[in-house]
């Protein structure tokens, strides 16, 4: 019986984690066609702002809720850093 034949060798006990045949057949990147690029370049329709009834406007008491409310309703003068 021969001994010591695996010294200095790399021994794999399980299958590889990556299937090379699938990786080569399914690229992770693909190129856009001219039509796809033109479609991506189109600007979306502008969103309509909701009507705000200033007489019945109820602003939340909590600072975090208040900032979220003001952002949601697009009220000018709101700073993101607050």
Protein backbone atom coordinates (compact mmCIF):
# COMPACT_ATOMS: atom_id res chain seq x y z
CA UNK A 1 0.00 0.00 0.00
CA UNK A 2 1.45 3.35 -1.09
CA UNK A 3 1.32 6.24 1.35
CA UNK A 4 1.77 10.00 1.01
CA UNK A 5 0.52 10.45 -2.57
CA UNK A 6 -1.75 13.41 -1.65
CA UNK A 7 0.87 15.50 0.13
CA UNK A 8 1.03 18.96 -1.53
CA UNK A 9 -2.04 18.23 -3.69
CA UNK A 10 -5.47 19.92 -3.74
CA UNK A 11 -8.29 17.49 -3.05
CA UNK A 12 -11.91 18.41 -3.86
CA UNK A 13 -14.58 16.63 -1.85
CA UNK A 14 -17.66 18.25 -3.40
CA UNK A 15 -18.91 19.42 -6.77
CA UNK A 16 -18.05 22.91 -7.98
CA UNK A 17 -20.39 25.69 -6.90
CA UNK A 18 -20.67 27.20 -10.36
CA UNK A 19 -21.86 25.42 -13.49
CA UNK A 20 -19.57 26.72 -16.23
CA UNK A 21 -21.85 25.62 -19.08
CA UNK A 22 -24.78 27.67 -17.74
CA UNK A 23 -22.56 30.68 -17.06
CA UNK A 24 -21.29 30.69 -20.64
CA UNK A 25 -24.76 30.29 -22.18
CA UNK A 26 -26.45 33.03 -20.10
CA UNK A 27 -24.45 36.27 -20.15
CA UNK A 28 -25.04 38.67 -17.25
CA UNK A 29 -24.83 41.69 -19.53
CA UNK A 30 -26.56 42.38 -22.81
CA UNK A 31 -26.56 45.25 -25.26
CA UNK A 32 -29.56 47.47 -25.90
CA UNK A 33 -30.81 47.89 -29.44
CA UNK A 34 -31.32 51.37 -30.89
CA UNK A 35 -35.08 51.01 -30.38
CA UNK A 36 -34.63 50.04 -26.72
CA UNK A 37 -32.30 53.00 -26.13
CA UNK A 38 -34.78 55.38 -27.78
CA UNK A 39 -37.54 54.00 -25.57
CA UNK A 40 -35.40 54.49 -22.44
CA UNK A 41 -34.61 58.08 -23.47
CA UNK A 42 -38.28 59.11 -23.52
CA UNK A 43 -39.26 61.21 -20.52
CA UNK A 44 -42.26 60.01 -18.50
CA UNK A 45 -45.39 62.10 -18.36
CA UNK A 46 -45.26 64.60 -15.49
CA UNK A 47 -47.22 63.63 -12.41
CA UNK A 48 -50.12 65.81 -11.35
CA UNK A 49 -49.82 67.41 -7.93
CA UNK A 50 -52.72 66.78 -5.57
CA UNK A 51 -54.97 69.67 -4.60
CA UNK A 52 -54.18 70.91 -1.09
CA UNK A 53 -56.95 72.41 1.02
CA UNK A 54 -54.97 74.86 3.15
CA UNK A 55 -57.94 75.67 5.40
CA UNK A 56 -58.28 72.03 6.54
CA UNK A 57 -54.59 71.06 6.44
CA UNK A 58 -53.54 68.99 9.47
CA UNK A 59 -49.77 68.70 9.88
CA UNK A 60 -48.54 65.85 12.14
CA UNK A 61 -46.97 66.70 15.50
CA UNK A 62 -44.02 64.26 15.34
CA UNK A 63 -41.00 65.75 13.46
CA UNK A 64 -40.34 62.63 11.35
CA UNK A 65 -44.01 62.32 10.39
CA UNK A 66 -44.17 66.05 9.66
CA UNK A 67 -41.19 65.95 7.26
CA UNK A 68 -42.62 62.87 5.50
CA UNK A 69 -46.00 64.60 5.21
CA UNK A 70 -44.47 67.77 3.76
CA UNK A 71 -42.40 65.78 1.24
CA UNK A 72 -45.44 63.75 0.24
CA UNK A 73 -47.50 66.86 -0.41
CA UNK A 74 -44.67 68.75 -2.16
CA UNK A 75 -44.93 71.76 0.11
CA UNK A 76 -42.10 74.21 -0.68
CA UNK A 77 -39.52 75.12 1.94
CA UNK A 78 -38.92 71.59 3.21
CA UNK A 79 -35.25 70.67 3.53
CA UNK A 80 -34.18 66.98 3.22
CA UNK A 81 -31.54 67.35 5.90
CA UNK A 82 -34.12 67.93 8.66
